[in-house]
């Protein structure tokens, strides 16, 4: 569906304005679909992002500030997200042995199990959302990288 139809707008001031509106609308569409997928697991897309960051640590602890730096949504509050994940027993917080002011975060076995359960569903959702050929996806990725400079 063309963006004009989706938001019921006949035309845009210029193609740059249209591109920004299109990106924002598409972002909202993707987050909405992801949220529906994560809801049965009691997760938000941001909490899922934190779990993926922790899984990528391969069992090595990471600080909340390092999680924050790696998050897709830089406006997210990593401390609050970690606390919610801790309440669900998906992560643990441990005092750093070398610096008692620092807190290390690790994903739990339960957190890993949820990621493993979601993996196939995410894979399918991504292909459903991005209805492009591999060549087109490569071009899209290249253009998005270029757009961010």
N, C-alpha and C. Protein backbone atom coordinates (compact mmCIF):
# COMPACT_ATOMS: atom_id res chain seq x y z
N UNK A 1 0.84 -1.18 0.00
CA UNK A 1 0.00 0.00 0.00
C UNK A 1 0.89 1.25 0.00
N UNK A 2 0.57 2.17 -0.86
CA UNK A 2 1.33 3.42 -0.93
C UNK A 2 1.06 4.27 0.31
N UNK A 3 2.04 5.04 0.73
CA UNK A 3 1.91 5.86 1.94
C UNK A 3 0.75 6.84 1.82
N UNK A 4 0.51 7.37 0.64
CA UNK A 4 -0.60 8.31 0.44
C UNK A 4 -1.94 7.66 0.82
N UNK A 5 -2.10 6.39 0.43
CA UNK A 5 -3.34 5.67 0.76
C UNK A 5 -3.39 5.35 2.25
N UNK A 6 -2.26 4.94 2.80
CA UNK A 6 -2.21 4.53 4.21
C UNK A 6 -2.61 5.66 5.15
N UNK A 7 -2.16 6.87 4.85
CA UNK A 7 -2.46 7.99 5.76
C UNK A 7 -3.47 8.97 5.16
N UNK A 8 -4.04 8.59 4.03
CA UNK A 8 -5.08 9.38 3.37
C UNK A 8 -4.62 10.83 3.13
N UNK A 9 -3.48 10.92 2.49
CA UNK A 9 -2.93 12.23 2.11
C UNK A 9 -2.65 12.20 0.62
N UNK A 10 -3.16 13.20 -0.09
CA UNK A 10 -3.05 13.20 -1.55
C UNK A 10 -1.62 13.38 -2.04
N UNK A 11 -0.91 14.34 -1.45
CA UNK A 11 0.45 14.61 -1.90
C UNK A 11 1.31 15.16 -0.77
N UNK A 12 2.59 15.17 -1.00
CA UNK A 12 3.56 15.67 -0.03
C UNK A 12 4.24 16.91 -0.59
N UNK A 13 4.81 17.72 0.31
CA UNK A 13 5.49 18.95 -0.13
C UNK A 13 6.64 18.64 -1.07
N UNK A 14 7.38 17.57 -0.72
CA UNK A 14 8.49 17.16 -1.57
C UNK A 14 8.82 15.70 -1.25
N UNK A 15 9.65 15.06 -2.07
CA UNK A 15 9.95 13.64 -1.85
C UNK A 15 10.70 13.38 -0.53
N UNK A 16 11.42 14.38 -0.01
CA UNK A 16 12.13 14.19 1.26
C UNK A 16 11.14 14.11 2.42
N UNK A 17 10.14 14.96 2.39
CA UNK A 17 9.09 14.92 3.40
C UNK A 17 8.36 13.58 3.33
N UNK A 18 8.07 13.13 2.12
CA UNK A 18 7.39 11.86 1.93
C UNK A 18 8.24 10.71 2.48
N UNK A 19 9.55 10.76 2.23
CA UNK A 19 10.45 9.70 2.71
C UNK A 19 10.44 9.61 4.23
N UNK A 20 10.49 10.75 4.91
CA UNK A 20 10.50 10.75 6.37
C UNK A 20 9.17 10.21 6.91
N UNK A 21 8.06 10.69 6.37
CA UNK A 21 6.75 10.19 6.80
C UNK A 21 6.66 8.68 6.54
N UNK A 22 7.15 8.24 5.40
CA UNK A 22 7.12 6.83 5.04
C UNK A 22 7.94 6.00 6.03
N UNK A 23 9.13 6.47 6.39
CA UNK A 23 9.97 5.76 7.36
C UNK A 23 9.30 5.69 8.73
N UNK A 24 8.74 6.80 9.18
CA UNK A 24 8.08 6.83 10.49
C UNK A 24 6.86 5.91 10.52
N UNK A 25 6.07 5.94 9.45
CA UNK A 25 4.89 5.08 9.37
C UNK A 25 5.30 3.61 9.34
N UNK A 26 6.33 3.30 8.58
CA UNK A 26 6.82 1.93 8.47
C UNK A 26 7.37 1.44 9.81
N UNK A 27 8.09 2.30 10.51
CA UNK A 27 8.61 1.96 11.84
C UNK A 27 7.45 1.60 12.77
N UNK A 28 6.43 2.42 12.78
CA UNK A 28 5.27 2.18 13.63
C UNK A 28 4.60 0.86 13.28
N UNK A 29 4.49 0.56 12.00
CA UNK A 29 3.89 -0.69 11.53
C UNK A 29 4.69 -1.89 12.03
N UNK A 30 6.00 -1.83 11.91
CA UNK A 30 6.87 -2.93 12.33
C UNK A 30 6.79 -3.13 13.84
N UNK A 31 6.86 -2.04 14.61
CA UNK A 31 6.81 -2.14 16.07
C UNK A 31 5.48 -2.73 16.52
N UNK A 32 4.40 -2.34 15.85
CA UNK A 32 3.08 -2.88 16.18
C UNK A 32 3.02 -4.39 15.96
N UNK A 33 3.55 -4.86 14.85
CA UNK A 33 3.56 -6.30 14.55
C UNK A 33 4.45 -7.05 15.54
N UNK A 34 5.62 -6.48 15.85
CA UNK A 34 6.52 -7.12 16.81
C UNK A 34 5.87 -7.19 18.20
N UNK A 35 5.23 -6.11 18.59
CA UNK A 35 4.59 -6.06 19.91
C UNK A 35 3.56 -7.17 20.05
N UNK A 36 2.81 -7.42 18.99
CA UNK A 36 1.81 -8.51 19.01
C UNK A 36 2.48 -9.87 19.19
N UNK A 37 3.64 -10.03 18.59
CA UNK A 37 4.38 -11.29 18.69
C UNK A 37 4.94 -11.48 20.11
N UNK A 38 5.43 -10.40 20.73
CA UNK A 38 6.06 -10.48 22.05
C UNK A 38 5.06 -10.53 23.20
N UNK A 39 3.85 -10.02 22.96
CA UNK A 39 2.87 -9.87 24.03
C UNK A 39 2.60 -11.17 24.80
N UNK A 40 2.40 -12.31 24.12
CA UNK A 40 2.15 -13.55 24.87
C UNK A 40 3.31 -13.94 25.80
N UNK A 41 4.49 -13.42 25.54
CA UNK A 41 5.66 -13.70 26.38
C UNK A 41 5.84 -12.64 27.46
N UNK A 42 4.95 -11.65 27.47
CA UNK A 42 5.05 -10.56 28.46
C UNK A 42 6.22 -9.64 28.20
N UNK A 43 6.63 -9.53 26.93
CA UNK A 43 7.78 -8.70 26.57
C UNK A 43 7.36 -7.53 25.69
N UNK A 44 8.13 -6.45 25.80
CA UNK A 44 8.03 -5.34 24.86
C UNK A 44 9.16 -5.49 23.85
N UNK A 45 9.08 -4.81 22.70
CA UNK A 45 10.20 -4.87 21.76
C UNK A 45 11.53 -4.42 22.39
N UNK A 46 11.47 -3.46 23.30
CA UNK A 46 12.69 -2.98 23.96
C UNK A 46 13.27 -4.03 24.89
N UNK A 47 12.40 -4.75 25.62
CA UNK A 47 12.88 -5.82 26.50
C UNK A 47 13.48 -6.95 25.66
N UNK A 48 12.86 -7.25 24.54
CA UNK A 48 13.41 -8.26 23.62
C UNK A 48 14.80 -7.83 23.15
N UNK A 49 14.96 -6.55 22.83
CA UNK A 49 16.25 -6.02 22.40
C UNK A 49 17.31 -6.23 23.49
N UNK A 50 16.95 -5.97 24.75
CA UNK A 50 17.90 -6.17 25.86
C UNK A 50 18.29 -7.64 25.96
N UNK A 51 17.33 -8.54 25.86
CA UNK A 51 17.63 -9.97 25.93
C UNK A 51 18.56 -10.39 24.80
N UNK A 52 18.36 -9.86 23.61
CA UNK A 52 19.23 -10.20 22.48
C UNK A 52 20.65 -9.68 22.71
N UNK A 53 20.76 -8.49 23.27
CA UNK A 53 22.08 -7.93 23.58
C UNK A 53 22.79 -8.84 24.58
N UNK A 54 22.06 -9.28 25.60
CA UNK A 54 22.65 -10.15 26.63
C UNK A 54 23.03 -11.51 26.05
N UNK A 55 22.21 -12.06 25.18
CA UNK A 55 22.55 -13.34 24.54
C UNK A 55 23.84 -13.19 23.73
N UNK A 56 24.00 -12.06 23.08
CA UNK A 56 25.19 -11.80 22.28
C UNK A 56 26.47 -11.71 23.10
N UNK A 57 26.33 -11.62 24.40
CA UNK A 57 27.50 -11.57 25.30
C UNK A 57 28.08 -12.96 25.56
N UNK A 58 27.38 -13.99 25.11
CA UNK A 58 27.85 -15.37 25.26
C UNK A 58 28.26 -15.71 26.69
N UNK A 59 27.39 -15.34 27.63
CA UNK A 59 27.64 -15.69 29.03
C UNK A 59 28.51 -14.70 29.79
N UNK A 60 29.04 -13.69 29.10
CA UNK A 60 29.84 -12.67 29.77
C UNK A 60 28.93 -11.57 30.28
N UNK A 61 29.19 -11.08 31.51
CA UNK A 61 28.34 -10.03 32.05
C UNK A 61 28.55 -8.70 31.31
N UNK A 62 27.55 -7.81 31.42
CA UNK A 62 27.60 -6.51 30.78
C UNK A 62 26.93 -5.50 31.71
N UNK A 63 27.36 -4.27 31.65
CA UNK A 63 26.78 -3.23 32.51
C UNK A 63 25.54 -2.64 31.84
N UNK A 64 24.71 -1.99 32.65
CA UNK A 64 23.51 -1.34 32.13
C UNK A 64 23.89 -0.26 31.13
N UNK A 65 24.95 0.48 31.40
CA UNK A 65 25.34 1.55 30.47
C UNK A 65 25.79 0.97 29.12
N UNK A 66 26.43 -0.19 29.14
CA UNK A 66 26.82 -0.84 27.88
C UNK A 66 25.59 -1.33 27.12
N UNK A 67 24.60 -1.81 27.86
CA UNK A 67 23.34 -2.22 27.22
C UNK A 67 22.71 -1.00 26.55
N UNK A 68 22.66 0.11 27.27
CA UNK A 68 22.06 1.34 26.76
C UNK A 68 22.72 1.78 25.45
N UNK A 69 24.05 1.68 25.39
CA UNK A 69 24.79 2.08 24.19
C UNK A 69 24.43 1.24 22.98
N UNK A 70 24.08 -0.03 23.21
CA UNK A 70 23.83 -0.97 22.11
C UNK A 70 22.37 -1.04 21.70
N UNK A 71 21.49 -0.41 22.46
CA UNK A 71 20.06 -0.52 22.19
C UNK A 71 19.67 0.14 20.87
N UNK A 72 18.68 -0.43 20.21
CA UNK A 72 18.17 0.13 18.96
C UNK A 72 17.47 1.46 19.22
N UNK A 73 16.68 1.53 20.29
CA UNK A 73 15.99 2.75 20.66
C UNK A 73 16.78 3.43 21.78
N UNK A 74 17.55 4.46 21.41
CA UNK A 74 18.44 5.13 22.37
C UNK A 74 17.65 5.88 23.46
N UNK A 75 16.35 6.07 23.24
CA UNK A 75 15.53 6.77 24.23
C UNK A 75 15.02 5.83 25.32
N UNK A 76 15.24 4.55 25.16
CA UNK A 76 14.80 3.57 26.15
C UNK A 76 15.58 3.74 27.44
N UNK A 77 14.93 3.42 28.55
CA UNK A 77 15.57 3.45 29.85
C UNK A 77 16.04 2.03 30.18
N UNK A 78 17.32 1.77 29.92
CA UNK A 78 17.86 0.42 30.09
C UNK A 78 17.73 -0.07 31.54
N UNK A 79 17.92 0.81 32.51
CA UNK A 79 17.82 0.40 33.92
C UNK A 79 16.43 -0.12 34.23
N UNK A 80 15.42 0.59 33.77
CA UNK A 80 14.03 0.18 34.01
C UNK A 80 13.72 -1.12 33.29
N UNK A 81 14.20 -1.26 32.06
CA UNK A 81 13.98 -2.49 31.30
C UNK A 81 14.63 -3.69 31.98
N UNK A 82 15.86 -3.51 32.45
CA UNK A 82 16.57 -4.59 33.15
C UNK A 82 15.82 -4.98 34.41
N UNK A 83 15.31 -4.00 35.14
CA UNK A 83 14.57 -4.28 36.37
C UNK A 83 13.31 -5.11 36.06
N UNK A 84 12.59 -4.75 35.01
CA UNK A 84 11.39 -5.51 34.63
C UNK A 84 11.76 -6.94 34.22
N UNK A 85 12.86 -7.08 33.49
CA UNK A 85 13.31 -8.42 33.09
C UNK A 85 13.76 -9.24 34.30
N UNK A 86 14.36 -8.57 35.28
CA UNK A 86 14.78 -9.24 36.51
C UNK A 86 13.55 -9.76 37.27
N UNK A 87 12.49 -8.96 37.33
CA UNK A 87 11.26 -9.38 38.01
C UNK A 87 10.65 -10.61 37.35
N UNK A 88 10.89 -10.78 36.06
CA UNK A 88 10.37 -11.94 35.32
C UNK A 88 11.36 -13.11 35.31
N UNK A 89 12.47 -12.96 36.05
CA UNK A 89 13.53 -13.97 36.14
C UNK A 89 14.18 -14.27 34.79
N UNK A 90 14.27 -13.26 33.93
CA UNK A 90 14.90 -13.42 32.63
C UNK A 90 16.34 -12.93 32.63
N UNK A 91 16.68 -12.11 33.62
CA UNK A 91 18.06 -11.64 33.81
C UNK A 91 18.39 -11.64 35.30
N UNK A 92 19.69 -11.62 35.58
CA UNK A 92 20.16 -11.46 36.96
C UNK A 92 21.11 -10.27 37.02
N UNK A 93 21.10 -9.62 38.17
CA UNK A 93 22.02 -8.51 38.43
C UNK A 93 23.00 -8.97 39.49
N UNK A 94 24.29 -8.78 39.21
CA UNK A 94 25.31 -9.19 40.17
C UNK A 94 26.28 -8.04 40.38
N UNK A 95 26.74 -7.91 41.62
CA UNK A 95 27.75 -6.91 41.93
C UNK A 95 29.05 -7.29 41.24
N UNK A 96 29.69 -6.33 40.60
CA UNK A 96 30.95 -6.59 39.91
C UNK A 96 32.04 -6.83 40.95
N UNK A 97 32.78 -7.94 40.84
CA UNK A 97 33.81 -8.24 41.84
C UNK A 97 34.94 -7.20 41.87
N UNK A 98 35.28 -6.61 40.74
CA UNK A 98 36.40 -5.67 40.68
C UNK A 98 35.99 -4.23 40.99
N UNK A 99 34.69 -3.90 40.88
CA UNK A 99 34.21 -2.54 41.15
C UNK A 99 32.81 -2.65 41.74
N UNK A 100 32.71 -2.50 43.04
CA UNK A 100 31.45 -2.74 43.74
C UNK A 100 30.36 -1.74 43.35
N UNK A 101 30.75 -0.62 42.73
CA UNK A 101 29.75 0.36 42.30
C UNK A 101 29.08 -0.09 40.99
N UNK A 102 29.72 -0.99 40.29
CA UNK A 102 29.23 -1.46 39.00
C UNK A 102 28.37 -2.71 39.18
N UNK A 103 27.30 -2.78 38.39
CA UNK A 103 26.41 -3.95 38.44
C UNK A 103 26.48 -4.66 37.10
N UNK A 104 26.72 -5.96 37.15
CA UNK A 104 26.78 -6.78 35.94
C UNK A 104 25.43 -7.43 35.70
N UNK A 105 25.05 -7.50 34.42
CA UNK A 105 23.78 -8.11 34.04
C UNK A 105 24.07 -9.35 33.19
N UNK A 106 23.34 -10.42 33.48
CA UNK A 106 23.46 -11.68 32.72
C UNK A 106 22.06 -12.19 32.38
N UNK A 107 21.92 -12.81 31.23
CA UNK A 107 20.66 -13.44 30.86
C UNK A 107 20.56 -14.79 31.58
N UNK A 108 19.35 -15.14 32.01
CA UNK A 108 19.14 -16.43 32.68
C UNK A 108 18.79 -17.51 31.65
N UNK A 109 18.75 -18.73 32.12
CA UNK A 109 18.35 -19.85 31.25
C UNK A 109 16.93 -19.63 30.74
N UNK A 110 16.06 -19.12 31.61
CA UNK A 110 14.68 -18.84 31.22
C UNK A 110 14.65 -17.77 30.11
N UNK A 111 15.50 -16.76 30.23
CA UNK A 111 15.59 -15.73 29.20
C UNK A 111 16.04 -16.31 27.87
N UNK A 112 17.02 -17.22 27.93
CA UNK A 112 17.50 -17.88 26.71
C UNK A 112 16.40 -18.75 26.09
N UNK A 113 15.64 -19.43 26.93
CA UNK A 113 14.56 -20.27 26.42
C UNK A 113 13.51 -19.44 25.67
N UNK A 114 13.18 -18.28 26.22
CA UNK A 114 12.19 -17.42 25.55
C UNK A 114 12.74 -16.94 24.21
N UNK A 115 14.01 -16.54 24.17
CA UNK A 115 14.61 -16.12 22.89
C UNK A 115 14.58 -17.26 21.88
N UNK A 116 14.90 -18.46 22.33
CA UNK A 116 14.88 -19.62 21.44
C UNK A 116 13.47 -19.90 20.92
N UNK A 117 12.47 -19.74 21.78
CA UNK A 117 11.08 -19.95 21.37
C UNK A 117 10.67 -18.91 20.32
N UNK A 118 11.12 -17.69 20.50
CA UNK A 118 10.73 -16.58 19.62
C UNK A 118 11.47 -16.58 18.28
N UNK A 119 12.62 -17.23 18.24
CA UNK A 119 13.51 -17.13 17.08
C UNK A 119 12.81 -17.45 15.74
N UNK A 120 12.13 -18.57 15.68
CA UNK A 120 11.48 -18.98 14.43
C UNK A 120 10.34 -18.03 14.06
N UNK A 121 9.61 -17.58 15.08
CA UNK A 121 8.51 -16.64 14.82
C UNK A 121 9.03 -15.30 14.30
N UNK A 122 10.12 -14.83 14.87
CA UNK A 122 10.73 -13.57 14.41
C UNK A 122 11.21 -13.72 12.98
N UNK A 123 11.84 -14.83 12.71
CA UNK A 123 12.34 -15.12 11.36
C UNK A 123 11.20 -15.03 10.34
N UNK A 124 10.08 -15.66 10.67
CA UNK A 124 8.92 -15.63 9.79
C UNK A 124 8.31 -14.24 9.68
N UNK A 125 8.21 -13.54 10.81
CA UNK A 125 7.65 -12.19 10.80
C UNK A 125 8.50 -11.26 9.93
N UNK A 126 9.81 -11.36 10.06
CA UNK A 126 10.70 -10.49 9.27
C UNK A 126 10.46 -10.69 7.78
N UNK A 127 10.31 -11.94 7.37
CA UNK A 127 10.08 -12.22 5.95
C UNK A 127 8.71 -11.76 5.49
N UNK A 128 7.75 -11.84 6.39
CA UNK A 128 6.40 -11.38 6.07
C UNK A 128 6.36 -9.85 5.95
N UNK A 129 7.06 -9.17 6.84
CA UNK A 129 7.08 -7.70 6.85
C UNK A 129 7.89 -7.13 5.69
N UNK A 130 9.01 -7.78 5.39
CA UNK A 130 9.91 -7.27 4.34
C UNK A 130 9.70 -8.12 3.09
N UNK A 131 8.70 -7.76 2.35
CA UNK A 131 8.34 -8.54 1.16
C UNK A 131 9.16 -8.08 -0.04
N UNK A 132 10.46 -8.32 0.06
CA UNK A 132 11.41 -7.94 -0.98
C UNK A 132 12.30 -9.13 -1.29
N UNK A 133 12.90 -9.11 -2.46
CA UNK A 133 13.88 -10.15 -2.80
C UNK A 133 15.15 -9.89 -2.00
N UNK A 134 16.05 -10.87 -1.95
CA UNK A 134 17.31 -10.68 -1.24
C UNK A 134 18.10 -9.52 -1.83
N UNK A 135 18.08 -9.40 -3.14
CA UNK A 135 18.78 -8.29 -3.81
C UNK A 135 18.19 -6.95 -3.39
N UNK A 136 16.85 -6.87 -3.34
CA UNK A 136 16.19 -5.63 -2.92
C UNK A 136 16.48 -5.31 -1.45
N UNK A 137 16.54 -6.35 -0.62
CA UNK A 137 16.85 -6.15 0.80
C UNK A 137 18.27 -5.61 0.95
N UNK A 138 19.21 -6.13 0.16
CA UNK A 138 20.58 -5.61 0.19
C UNK A 138 20.61 -4.14 -0.20
N UNK A 139 19.85 -3.77 -1.21
CA UNK A 139 19.78 -2.37 -1.65
C UNK A 139 19.15 -1.51 -0.55
N UNK A 140 18.05 -2.00 0.02
CA UNK A 140 17.39 -1.27 1.10
C UNK A 140 18.35 -1.04 2.26
N UNK A 141 19.05 -2.10 2.69
CA UNK A 141 20.01 -1.96 3.79
C UNK A 141 21.10 -0.95 3.46
N UNK A 142 21.59 -0.99 2.25
CA UNK A 142 22.62 -0.06 1.82
C UNK A 142 22.10 1.38 1.85
N UNK A 143 20.88 1.57 1.35
CA UNK A 143 20.29 2.92 1.35
C UNK A 143 20.03 3.43 2.77
N UNK A 144 19.56 2.55 3.66
CA UNK A 144 19.32 2.97 5.04
C UNK A 144 20.62 3.32 5.74
N UNK A 145 21.68 2.53 5.49
CA UNK A 145 23.00 2.86 6.06
C UNK A 145 23.47 4.22 5.55
N UNK A 146 23.27 4.47 4.26
CA UNK A 146 23.67 5.73 3.65
C UNK A 146 22.86 6.90 4.22
N UNK A 147 21.57 6.67 4.43
CA UNK A 147 20.69 7.69 4.97
C UNK A 147 21.17 8.18 6.35
N UNK A 148 21.62 7.24 7.18
CA UNK A 148 22.09 7.60 8.53
C UNK A 148 23.48 8.24 8.49
N UNK A 149 24.13 8.15 7.33
CA UNK A 149 25.44 8.78 7.20
C UNK A 149 26.49 7.99 7.87
